[in-house]
All heavy atoms as atom14 arrays in JSON, in Angstrom:
{
  "sequence": "LLGLGLNQAEVKLVDALPSAAEPVADDKTLVELALKTRLDVRAASLE",
  "atom14_mask": [
    [1, 1, 1, 1, 1, 1, 1, 1, 0, 0, 0, 0, 0, 0],
    [1, 1, 1, 1, 1, 1, 1, 1, 0, 0, 0, 0, 0, 0],
    [1, 1, 1, 1, 0, 0, 0, 0, 0, 0, 0, 0, 0, 0],
    [1, 1, 1, 1, 1, 1, 1, 1, 0, 0, 0, 0, 0, 0],
    [1, 1, 1, 1, 0, 0, 0, 0, 0, 0, 0, 0, 0, 0],
    [1, 1, 1, 1, 1, 1, 1, 1, 0, 0, 0, 0, 0, 0],
    [1, 1, 1, 1, 1, 1, 1, 1, 0, 0, 0, 0, 0, 0],
    [1, 1, 1, 1, 1, 1, 1, 1, 1, 0, 0, 0, 0, 0],
    [1, 1, 1, 1, 1, 0, 0, 0, 0, 0, 0, 0, 0, 0],
    [1, 1, 1, 1, 1, 1, 1, 1, 1, 0, 0, 0, 0, 0],
    [1, 1, 1, 1, 1, 1, 1, 0, 0, 0, 0, 0, 0, 0],
    [1, 1, 1, 1, 1, 1, 1, 1, 1, 0, 0, 0, 0, 0],
    [1, 1, 1, 1, 1, 1, 1, 1, 0, 0, 0, 0, 0, 0],
    [1, 1, 1, 1, 1, 1, 1, 0, 0, 0, 0, 0, 0, 0],
    [1, 1, 1, 1, 1, 1, 1, 1, 0, 0, 0, 0, 0, 0],
    [1, 1, 1, 1, 1, 0, 0, 0, 0, 0, 0, 0, 0, 0],
    [1, 1, 1, 1, 1, 1, 1, 1, 0, 0, 0, 0, 0, 0],
    [1, 1, 1, 1, 1, 1, 1, 0, 0, 0, 0, 0, 0, 0],
    [1, 1, 1, 1, 1, 1, 0, 0, 0, 0, 0, 0, 0, 0],
    [1, 1, 1, 1, 1, 0, 0, 0, 0, 0, 0, 0, 0, 0],
    [1, 1, 1, 1, 1, 0, 0, 0, 0, 0, 0, 0, 0, 0],
    [1, 1, 1, 1, 1, 1, 1, 1, 1, 0, 0, 0, 0, 0],
    [1, 1, 1, 1, 1, 1, 1, 0, 0, 0, 0, 0, 0, 0],
    [1, 1, 1, 1, 1, 1, 1, 0, 0, 0, 0, 0, 0, 0],
    [1, 1, 1, 1, 1, 0, 0, 0, 0, 0, 0, 0, 0, 0],
    [1, 1, 1, 1, 1, 1, 1, 1, 0, 0, 0, 0, 0, 0],
    [1, 1, 1, 1, 1, 1, 1, 1, 0, 0, 0, 0, 0, 0],
    [1, 1, 1, 1, 1, 1, 1, 1, 1, 0, 0, 0, 0, 0],
    [1, 1, 1, 1, 1, 1, 1, 0, 0, 0, 0, 0, 0, 0],
    [1, 1, 1, 1, 1, 1, 1, 1, 0, 0, 0, 0, 0, 0],
    [1, 1, 1, 1, 1, 1, 1, 0, 0, 0, 0, 0, 0, 0],
    [1, 1, 1, 1, 1, 1, 1, 1, 1, 0, 0, 0, 0, 0],
    [1, 1, 1, 1, 1, 1, 1, 1, 0, 0, 0, 0, 0, 0],
    [1, 1, 1, 1, 1, 0, 0, 0, 0, 0, 0, 0, 0, 0],
    [1, 1, 1, 1, 1, 1, 1, 1, 0, 0, 0, 0, 0, 0],
    [1, 1, 1, 1, 1, 1, 1, 1, 1, 0, 0, 0, 0, 0],
    [1, 1, 1, 1, 1, 1, 1, 0, 0, 0, 0, 0, 0, 0],
    [1, 1, 1, 1, 1, 1, 1, 1, 1, 1, 1, 0, 0, 0],
    [1, 1, 1, 1, 1, 1, 1, 1, 0, 0, 0, 0, 0, 0],
    [1, 1, 1, 1, 1, 1, 1, 1, 0, 0, 0, 0, 0, 0],
    [1, 1, 1, 1, 1, 1, 1, 0, 0, 0, 0, 0, 0, 0],
    [1, 1, 1, 1, 1, 1, 1, 1, 1, 1, 1, 0, 0, 0],
    [1, 1, 1, 1, 1, 0, 0, 0, 0, 0, 0, 0, 0, 0],
    [1, 1, 1, 1, 1, 0, 0, 0, 0, 0, 0, 0, 0, 0],
    [1, 1, 1, 1, 1, 1, 0, 0, 0, 0, 0, 0, 0, 0],
    [1, 1, 1, 1, 1, 1, 1, 1, 0, 0, 0, 0, 0, 0],
    [1, 1, 1, 1, 1, 1, 1, 1, 1, 0, 0, 0, 0, 0]
  ],
  "atom14_positions": [
    [[0.83, -1.2, 0.0], [0.0, 0.0, 0.0], [0.87, 1.26, 0.0], [0.52, 2.27, -0.62], [-0.92, 0.0, 1.22], [-1.92, 1.14, 1.34], [-2.88, 1.15, 0.16], [-2.7, 1.04, 2.64], [0.0, 0.0, 0.0], [0.0, 0.0, 0.0], [0.0, 0.0, 0.0], [0.0, 0.0, 0.0], [0.0, 0.0, 0.0], [0.0, 0.0, 0.0]],
    [[2.01, 1.2, 0.67], [2.93, 2.34, 0.66], [3.67, 2.48, -0.66], [4.29, 3.51, -0.91], [3.94, 2.2, 1.8], [3.4, 2.25, 3.23], [4.55, 2.14, 4.21], [2.62, 3.53, 3.48], [0.0, 0.0, 0.0], [0.0, 0.0, 0.0], [0.0, 0.0, 0.0], [0.0, 0.0, 0.0], [0.0, 0.0, 0.0], [0.0, 0.0, 0.0]],
    [[3.63, 1.44, -1.49], [4.34, 1.49, -2.77], [5.8, 1.15, -2.66], [6.59, 1.56, -3.51], [0.0, 0.0, 0.0], [0.0, 0.0, 0.0], [0.0, 0.0, 0.0], [0.0, 0.0, 0.0], [0.0, 0.0, 0.0], [0.0, 0.0, 0.0], [0.0, 0.0, 0.0], [0.0, 0.0, 0.0], [0.0, 0.0, 0.0], [0.0, 0.0, 0.0]],
    [[6.18, 0.41, -1.63], [7.58, 0.06, -1.41], [7.85, -1.32, -1.98], [7.05, -2.24, -1.83], [7.91, 0.08, 0.08], [7.69, 1.42, 0.79], [8.05, 1.3, 2.27], [8.52, 2.52, 0.13], [0.0, 0.0, 0.0], [0.0, 0.0, 0.0], [0.0, 0.0, 0.0], [0.0, 0.0, 0.0], [0.0, 0.0, 0.0], [0.0, 0.0, 0.0]],
    [[9.0, -1.45, -2.62], [9.4, -2.72, -3.2], [10.22, -3.56, -2.24], [10.51, -3.17, -1.1], [0.0, 0.0, 0.0], [0.0, 0.0, 0.0], [0.0, 0.0, 0.0], [0.0, 0.0, 0.0], [0.0, 0.0, 0.0], [0.0, 0.0, 0.0], [0.0, 0.0, 0.0], [0.0, 0.0, 0.0], [0.0, 0.0, 0.0], [0.0, 0.0, 0.0]],
    [[10.59, -4.74, -2.72], [11.35, -5.66, -1.87], [12.75, -5.14, -1.57], [13.34, -5.5, -0.56], [11.44, -7.03, -2.56], [10.12, -7.77, -2.74], [10.34, -9.07, -3.5], [9.48, -8.07, -1.39], [0.0, 0.0, 0.0], [0.0, 0.0, 0.0], [0.0, 0.0, 0.0], [0.0, 0.0, 0.0], [0.0, 0.0, 0.0], [0.0, 0.0, 0.0]],
    [[13.31, -4.32, -2.46], [14.67, -3.84, -2.26], [14.74, -2.61, -1.39], [15.8, -2.05, -1.18], [15.3, -3.52, -3.62], [14.51, -2.49, -4.41], [13.35, -2.26, -4.12], [15.14, -1.9, -5.41], [0.0, 0.0, 0.0], [0.0, 0.0, 0.0], [0.0, 0.0, 0.0], [0.0, 0.0, 0.0], [0.0, 0.0, 0.0], [0.0, 0.0, 0.0]],
    [[13.61, -2.15, -0.87], [13.59, -0.96, -0.02], [13.58, -1.38, 1.45], [13.31, -2.53, 1.79], [12.39, -0.08, -0.35], [12.48, 0.51, -1.76], [11.23, 1.28, -2.14], [10.18, 0.69, -2.28], [11.36, 2.58, -2.29], [0.0, 0.0, 0.0], [0.0, 0.0, 0.0], [0.0, 0.0, 0.0], [0.0, 0.0, 0.0], [0.0, 0.0, 0.0]],
    [[13.89, -0.42, 2.31], [14.04, -0.72, 3.73], [12.73, -1.2, 4.33], [11.64, -0.79, 3.92], [14.53, 0.52, 4.47], [0.0, 0.0, 0.0], [0.0, 0.0, 0.0], [0.0, 0.0, 0.0], [0.0, 0.0, 0.0], [0.0, 0.0, 0.0], [0.0, 0.0, 0.0], [0.0, 0.0, 0.0], [0.0, 0.0, 0.0], [0.0, 0.0, 0.0]],
    [[12.85, -2.09, 5.28], [11.67, -2.6, 5.96], [11.04, -1.5, 6.81], [11.73, -0.73, 7.47], [12.06, -3.77, 6.85], [10.88, -4.41, 7.58], [11.32, -5.56, 8.46], [12.53, -5.86, 8.44], [10.47, -6.12, 9.16], [0.0, 0.0, 0.0], [0.0, 0.0, 0.0], [0.0, 0.0, 0.0], [0.0, 0.0, 0.0], [0.0, 0.0, 0.0]],
    [[9.72, -1.43, 6.76], [9.01, -0.39, 7.49], [8.92, -0.78, 8.97], [8.57, -1.91, 9.3], [7.59, -0.2, 6.91], [6.82, 0.81, 7.74], [7.69, 0.26, 5.47], [0.0, 0.0, 0.0], [0.0, 0.0, 0.0], [0.0, 0.0, 0.0], [0.0, 0.0, 0.0], [0.0, 0.0, 0.0], [0.0, 0.0, 0.0], [0.0, 0.0, 0.0]],
    [[9.26, 0.15, 9.83], [9.14, -0.05, 11.27], [8.09, 0.91, 11.81], [8.2, 2.13, 11.63], [10.49, 0.18, 11.96], [11.56, -0.82, 11.55], [12.87, -0.57, 12.3], [13.93, -1.59, 11.89], [15.21, -1.35, 12.6], [0.0, 0.0, 0.0], [0.0, 0.0, 0.0], [0.0, 0.0, 0.0], [0.0, 0.0, 0.0], [0.0, 0.0, 0.0]],
    [[7.09, 0.37, 12.47], [6.01, 1.18, 13.0], [6.43, 1.79, 14.33], [6.98, 1.12, 15.2], [4.76, 0.32, 13.2], [4.29, -0.48, 11.97], [2.94, -1.12, 12.25], [4.21, 0.41, 10.73], [0.0, 0.0, 0.0], [0.0, 0.0, 0.0], [0.0, 0.0, 0.0], [0.0, 0.0, 0.0], [0.0, 0.0, 0.0], [0.0, 0.0, 0.0]],
    [[6.16, 3.08, 14.47], [6.59, 3.82, 15.66], [5.41, 4.15, 16.55], [5.46, 3.95, 17.77], [7.33, 5.11, 15.24], [7.73, 5.92, 16.47], [8.56, 4.78, 14.41], [0.0, 0.0, 0.0], [0.0, 0.0, 0.0], [0.0, 0.0, 0.0], [0.0, 0.0, 0.0], [0.0, 0.0, 0.0], [0.0, 0.0, 0.0], [0.0, 0.0, 0.0]],
    [[4.33, 4.67, 15.97], [3.16, 5.08, 16.77], [2.46, 3.85, 17.34], [2.18, 2.89, 16.62], [2.17, 5.88, 15.92], [2.76, 7.21, 15.49], [3.75, 7.63, 16.11], [2.23, 7.81, 14.54], [0.0, 0.0, 0.0], [0.0, 0.0, 0.0], [0.0, 0.0, 0.0], [0.0, 0.0, 0.0], [0.0, 0.0, 0.0], [0.0, 0.0, 0.0]],
    [[2.19, 3.91, 18.64], [1.5, 2.81, 19.3], [-0.01, 2.94, 19.14], [-0.52, 3.98, 18.69], [1.88, 2.78, 20.78], [0.0, 0.0, 0.0], [0.0, 0.0, 0.0], [0.0, 0.0, 0.0], [0.0, 0.0, 0.0], [0.0, 0.0, 0.0], [0.0, 0.0, 0.0], [0.0, 0.0, 0.0], [0.0, 0.0, 0.0], [0.0, 0.0, 0.0]],
    [[-0.71, 1.9, 19.51], [-2.17, 1.96, 19.51], [-2.64, 2.93, 20.6], [-1.97, 3.1, 21.62], [-2.75, 0.57, 19.77], [-2.55, -0.47, 18.67], [-3.02, -1.84, 19.16], [-3.3, -0.09, 17.41], [0.0, 0.0, 0.0], [0.0, 0.0, 0.0], [0.0, 0.0, 0.0], [0.0, 0.0, 0.0], [0.0, 0.0, 0.0], [0.0, 0.0, 0.0]],
    [[-3.76, 3.57, 20.39], [-4.24, 4.52, 21.41], [-4.54, 3.82, 22.73], [-5.12, 2.73, 22.75], [-5.5, 5.12, 20.78], [-5.93, 4.12, 19.76], [-4.69, 3.49, 19.24], [0.0, 0.0, 0.0], [0.0, 0.0, 0.0], [0.0, 0.0, 0.0], [0.0, 0.0, 0.0], [0.0, 0.0, 0.0], [0.0, 0.0, 0.0], [0.0, 0.0, 0.0]],
    [[-4.11, 4.43, 23.81], [-4.35, 3.87, 25.14], [-5.41, 4.65, 25.9], [-5.73, 4.28, 27.03], [-3.04, 3.87, 25.95], [-2.52, 5.19, 26.05], [0.0, 0.0, 0.0], [0.0, 0.0, 0.0], [0.0, 0.0, 0.0], [0.0, 0.0, 0.0], [0.0, 0.0, 0.0], [0.0, 0.0, 0.0], [0.0, 0.0, 0.0], [0.0, 0.0, 0.0]],
    [[-5.92, 5.72, 25.31], [-6.97, 6.51, 25.94], [-7.85, 7.09, 24.84], [-7.39, 7.34, 23.72], [-6.37, 7.64, 26.79], [0.0, 0.0, 0.0], [0.0, 0.0, 0.0], [0.0, 0.0, 0.0], [0.0, 0.0, 0.0], [0.0, 0.0, 0.0], [0.0, 0.0, 0.0], [0.0, 0.0, 0.0], [0.0, 0.0, 0.0], [0.0, 0.0, 0.0]],
    [[-9.11, 7.27, 25.18], [-10.07, 7.79, 24.2], [-10.26, 9.28, 24.41], [-10.41, 9.75, 25.53], [-11.42, 7.07, 24.36], [0.0, 0.0, 0.0], [0.0, 0.0, 0.0], [0.0, 0.0, 0.0], [0.0, 0.0, 0.0], [0.0, 0.0, 0.0], [0.0, 0.0, 0.0], [0.0, 0.0, 0.0], [0.0, 0.0, 0.0], [0.0, 0.0, 0.0]],
    [[-10.21, 10.01, 23.29], [-10.45, 11.45, 23.32], [-11.87, 11.73, 22.86], [-12.36, 11.12, 21.9], [-9.46, 12.17, 22.4], [-8.0, 12.04, 22.82], [-7.69, 12.78, 24.09], [-8.46, 13.71, 24.43], [-6.7, 12.44, 24.76], [0.0, 0.0, 0.0], [0.0, 0.0, 0.0], [0.0, 0.0, 0.0], [0.0, 0.0, 0.0], [0.0, 0.0, 0.0]],
    [[-12.57, 12.64, 23.53], [-13.96, 12.95, 23.11], [-14.0, 13.62, 21.75], [-13.05, 14.3, 21.35], [-14.45, 13.89, 24.22], [-13.2, 14.49, 24.79], [-12.15, 13.43, 24.7], [0.0, 0.0, 0.0], [0.0, 0.0, 0.0], [0.0, 0.0, 0.0], [0.0, 0.0, 0.0], [0.0, 0.0, 0.0], [0.0, 0.0, 0.0], [0.0, 0.0, 0.0]],
    [[-15.07, 13.39, 21.03], [-15.25, 13.99, 19.7], [-16.45, 14.93, 19.75], [-17.24, 14.91, 20.7], [-15.46, 12.91, 18.61], [-14.23, 12.06, 18.47], [-16.68, 12.05, 18.94], [0.0, 0.0, 0.0], [0.0, 0.0, 0.0], [0.0, 0.0, 0.0], [0.0, 0.0, 0.0], [0.0, 0.0, 0.0], [0.0, 0.0, 0.0], [0.0, 0.0, 0.0]],
    [[-16.58, 15.74, 18.75], [-17.66, 16.72, 18.69], [-19.0, 16.03, 18.46], [-19.07, 14.84, 18.11], [-17.39, 17.74, 17.59], [0.0, 0.0, 0.0], [0.0, 0.0, 0.0], [0.0, 0.0, 0.0], [0.0, 0.0, 0.0], [0.0, 0.0, 0.0], [0.0, 0.0, 0.0], [0.0, 0.0, 0.0], [0.0, 0.0, 0.0], [0.0, 0.0, 0.0]],
    [[-20.06, 16.78, 18.62], [-21.4, 16.23, 18.39], [-21.64, 16.08, 16.9], [-20.9, 16.59, 16.06], [-22.46, 17.16, 19.0], [-22.38, 18.56, 18.43], [-21.52, 19.35, 18.91], [-23.12, 18.87, 17.49], [0.0, 0.0, 0.0], [0.0, 0.0, 0.0], [0.0, 0.0, 0.0], [0.0, 0.0, 0.0], [0.0, 0.0, 0.0], [0.0, 0.0, 0.0]],
    [[-22.69, 15.33, 16.57], [-22.98, 15.01, 15.17], [-23.22, 16.26, 14.33], [-22.77, 16.34, 13.17], [-24.19, 14.09, 15.08], [-23.87, 12.69, 15.57], [-22.69, 12.43, 15.89], [-24.8, 11.85, 15.64], [0.0, 0.0, 0.0], [0.0, 0.0, 0.0], [0.0, 0.0, 0.0], [0.0, 0.0, 0.0], [0.0, 0.0, 0.0], [0.0, 0.0, 0.0]],
    [[-23.92, 17.23, 14.89], [-24.23, 18.44, 14.11], [-22.95, 19.16, 13.71], [-22.8, 19.59, 12.55], [-25.13, 19.37, 14.93], [-25.51, 20.64, 14.2], [-26.4, 21.54, 15.05], [-26.74, 22.82, 14.31], [-27.59, 23.72, 15.14], [0.0, 0.0, 0.0], [0.0, 0.0, 0.0], [0.0, 0.0, 0.0], [0.0, 0.0, 0.0], [0.0, 0.0, 0.0]],
    [[-22.01, 19.3, 14.64], [-20.75, 19.98, 14.33], [-19.96, 19.2, 13.29], [-19.38, 19.78, 12.36], [-19.92, 20.15, 15.61], [-20.68, 20.88, 16.57], [-18.63, 20.89, 15.31], [0.0, 0.0, 0.0], [0.0, 0.0, 0.0], [0.0, 0.0, 0.0], [0.0, 0.0, 0.0], [0.0, 0.0, 0.0], [0.0, 0.0, 0.0], [0.0, 0.0, 0.0]],
    [[-19.93, 17.88, 13.43], [-19.19, 17.06, 12.49], [-19.8, 17.11, 11.09], [-19.08, 17.18, 10.08], [-19.14, 15.62, 12.99], [-18.32, 15.36, 14.26], [-18.5, 13.93, 14.73], [-16.85, 15.66, 14.02], [0.0, 0.0, 0.0], [0.0, 0.0, 0.0], [0.0, 0.0, 0.0], [0.0, 0.0, 0.0], [0.0, 0.0, 0.0], [0.0, 0.0, 0.0]],
    [[-21.13, 17.09, 11.02], [-21.8, 17.16, 9.71], [-21.53, 18.52, 9.05], [-21.26, 18.59, 7.84], [-23.31, 16.91, 9.87], [-24.04, 17.25, 8.58], [-23.56, 15.46, 10.24], [0.0, 0.0, 0.0], [0.0, 0.0, 0.0], [0.0, 0.0, 0.0], [0.0, 0.0, 0.0], [0.0, 0.0, 0.0], [0.0, 0.0, 0.0], [0.0, 0.0, 0.0]],
    [[-21.62, 19.59, 9.81], [-21.33, 20.92, 9.26], [-19.9, 20.99, 8.76], [-19.62, 21.57, 7.69], [-21.58, 21.98, 10.31], [-23.06, 22.18, 10.66], [-23.25, 23.18, 11.79], [-22.23, 23.61, 12.37], [-24.42, 23.53, 12.07], [0.0, 0.0, 0.0], [0.0, 0.0, 0.0], [0.0, 0.0, 0.0], [0.0, 0.0, 0.0], [0.0, 0.0, 0.0]],
    [[-18.97, 20.41, 9.5], [-17.57, 20.4, 9.05], [-17.41, 19.6, 7.77], [-16.7, 20.02, 6.84], [-16.68, 19.81, 10.15], [-15.21, 19.64, 9.79], [-14.55, 20.99, 9.55], [-14.47, 18.87, 10.88], [0.0, 0.0, 0.0], [0.0, 0.0, 0.0], [0.0, 0.0, 0.0], [0.0, 0.0, 0.0], [0.0, 0.0, 0.0], [0.0, 0.0, 0.0]],
    [[-18.09, 18.45, 7.7], [-17.98, 17.62, 6.5], [-18.53, 18.32, 5.27], [-17.93, 18.3, 4.2], [-18.7, 16.29, 6.73], [0.0, 0.0, 0.0], [0.0, 0.0, 0.0], [0.0, 0.0, 0.0], [0.0, 0.0, 0.0], [0.0, 0.0, 0.0], [0.0, 0.0, 0.0], [0.0, 0.0, 0.0], [0.0, 0.0, 0.0], [0.0, 0.0, 0.0]],
    [[-19.7, 18.96, 5.42], [-20.3, 19.65, 4.28], [-19.46, 20.85, 3.84], [-19.55, 21.28, 2.69], [-21.71, 20.11, 4.63], [-22.73, 19.0, 4.93], [-24.07, 19.59, 5.3], [-22.86, 18.07, 3.73], [0.0, 0.0, 0.0], [0.0, 0.0, 0.0], [0.0, 0.0, 0.0], [0.0, 0.0, 0.0], [0.0, 0.0, 0.0], [0.0, 0.0, 0.0]],
    [[-18.65, 21.37, 4.75], [-17.83, 22.53, 4.42], [-16.49, 22.13, 3.81], [-15.96, 22.84, 2.96], [-17.6, 23.35, 5.68], [-16.84, 24.65, 5.46], [-16.49, 25.33, 6.77], [-17.74, 25.6, 7.58], [-17.42, 26.29, 8.87], [0.0, 0.0, 0.0], [0.0, 0.0, 0.0], [0.0, 0.0, 0.0], [0.0, 0.0, 0.0], [0.0, 0.0, 0.0]],
    [[-15.94, 21.02, 4.24], [-14.56, 20.68, 3.86], [-14.44, 19.51, 2.89], [-13.4, 19.36, 2.26], [-13.74, 20.36, 5.11], [-14.33, 19.24, 5.79], [-13.69, 21.55, 6.05], [0.0, 0.0, 0.0], [0.0, 0.0, 0.0], [0.0, 0.0, 0.0], [0.0, 0.0, 0.0], [0.0, 0.0, 0.0], [0.0, 0.0, 0.0], [0.0, 0.0, 0.0]],
    [[-15.46, 18.67, 2.77], [-15.3, 17.5, 1.91], [-15.19, 17.93, 0.45], [-16.01, 18.68, -0.08], [-16.46, 16.53, 2.1], [-16.28, 15.67, 3.33], [-17.21, 14.53, 3.42], [-17.3, 13.68, 2.25], [-17.7, 12.4, 2.29], [-18.0, 11.85, 3.46], [-17.8, 11.69, 1.21], [0.0, 0.0, 0.0], [0.0, 0.0, 0.0], [0.0, 0.0, 0.0]],
    [[-14.16, 17.41, -0.19], [-13.86, 17.84, -1.55], [-14.82, 17.24, -2.56], [-15.04, 17.83, -3.62], [-12.42, 17.45, -1.89], [-11.36, 18.08, -0.97], [-9.97, 17.62, -1.36], [-11.45, 19.6, -1.02], [0.0, 0.0, 0.0], [0.0, 0.0, 0.0], [0.0, 0.0, 0.0], [0.0, 0.0, 0.0], [0.0, 0.0, 0.0], [0.0, 0.0, 0.0]],
    [[-15.37, 16.05, -2.28], [-16.33, 15.5, -3.22], [-17.62, 16.31, -3.24], [-18.28, 16.4, -4.28], [-16.63, 14.04, -2.9], [-17.02, 13.83, -1.44], [-16.85, 14.78, -0.65], [-17.48, 12.73, -1.1], [0.0, 0.0, 0.0], [0.0, 0.0, 0.0], [0.0, 0.0, 0.0], [0.0, 0.0, 0.0], [0.0, 0.0, 0.0], [0.0, 0.0, 0.0]],
    [[-17.97, 16.94, -2.11], [-19.13, 17.83, -2.09], [-18.86, 19.07, -2.94], [-19.71, 19.51, -3.73], [-19.48, 18.24, -0.65], [-20.61, 19.27, -0.62], [-19.88, 17.0, 0.16], [0.0, 0.0, 0.0], [0.0, 0.0, 0.0], [0.0, 0.0, 0.0], [0.0, 0.0, 0.0], [0.0, 0.0, 0.0], [0.0, 0.0, 0.0], [0.0, 0.0, 0.0]],
    [[-17.66, 19.63, -2.81], [-17.29, 20.79, -3.64], [-17.24, 20.42, -5.11], [-17.67, 21.2, -5.98], [-15.95, 21.35, -3.18], [-15.98, 21.98, -1.8], [-14.61, 22.36, -1.32], [-13.93, 23.23, -2.27], [-12.65, 23.59, -2.16], [-11.93, 23.16, -1.14], [-12.11, 24.38, -3.05], [0.0, 0.0, 0.0], [0.0, 0.0, 0.0], [0.0, 0.0, 0.0]],
    [[-16.71, 19.25, -5.41], [-16.65, 18.82, -6.81], [-18.05, 18.62, -7.38], [-18.32, 18.98, -8.53], [-15.85, 17.52, -6.92], [0.0, 0.0, 0.0], [0.0, 0.0, 0.0], [0.0, 0.0, 0.0], [0.0, 0.0, 0.0], [0.0, 0.0, 0.0], [0.0, 0.0, 0.0], [0.0, 0.0, 0.0], [0.0, 0.0, 0.0], [0.0, 0.0, 0.0]],
    [[-18.96, 18.06, -6.59], [-20.34, 17.88, -7.07], [-21.02, 19.22, -7.3], [-21.8, 19.38, -8.25], [-21.13, 17.04, -6.06], [0.0, 0.0, 0.0], [0.0, 0.0, 0.0], [0.0, 0.0, 0.0], [0.0, 0.0, 0.0], [0.0, 0.0, 0.0], [0.0, 0.0, 0.0], [0.0, 0.0, 0.0], [0.0, 0.0, 0.0], [0.0, 0.0, 0.0]],
    [[-20.73, 20.2, -6.44], [-21.28, 21.53, -6.64], [-20.75, 22.16, -7.93], [-21.48, 22.81, -8.68], [-20.96, 22.42, -5.44], [-21.44, 23.73, -5.62], [0.0, 0.0, 0.0], [0.0, 0.0, 0.0], [0.0, 0.0, 0.0], [0.0, 0.0, 0.0], [0.0, 0.0, 0.0], [0.0, 0.0, 0.0], [0.0, 0.0, 0.0], [0.0, 0.0, 0.0]],
    [[-19.46, 21.95, -8.19], [-18.89, 22.45, -9.44], [-19.5, 21.77, -10.65], [-19.67, 22.4, -11.7], [-17.37, 22.23, -9.43], [-16.54, 23.26, -8.67], [-15.07, 22.85, -8.67], [-16.69, 24.64, -9.28], [0.0, 0.0, 0.0], [0.0, 0.0, 0.0], [0.0, 0.0, 0.0], [0.0, 0.0, 0.0], [0.0, 0.0, 0.0], [0.0, 0.0, 0.0]],
    [[-19.82, 20.5, -10.53], [-20.46, 19.8, -11.64], [-21.82, 20.42, -11.96], [-22.2, 20.49, -13.14], [-20.61, 18.32, -11.3], [-19.28, 17.56, -11.29], [-19.49, 16.09, -10.98], [-20.65, 15.7, -10.72], [-18.5, 15.34, -10.98], [0.0, 0.0, 0.0], [0.0, 0.0, 0.0], [0.0, 0.0, 0.0], [0.0, 0.0, 0.0], [0.0, 0.0, 0.0]]
  ]
}
């Protein structure tokens, strides 16, 4: 998926799995953000 071949260096993962949960915004805020920032929505509007 990274596009690395066999002759390239082996990938070493550094970031660990999350050990604590962070709160997220409410649905209304997330939907407003998505409608404002999603590029497929902008592309459809341009179409």
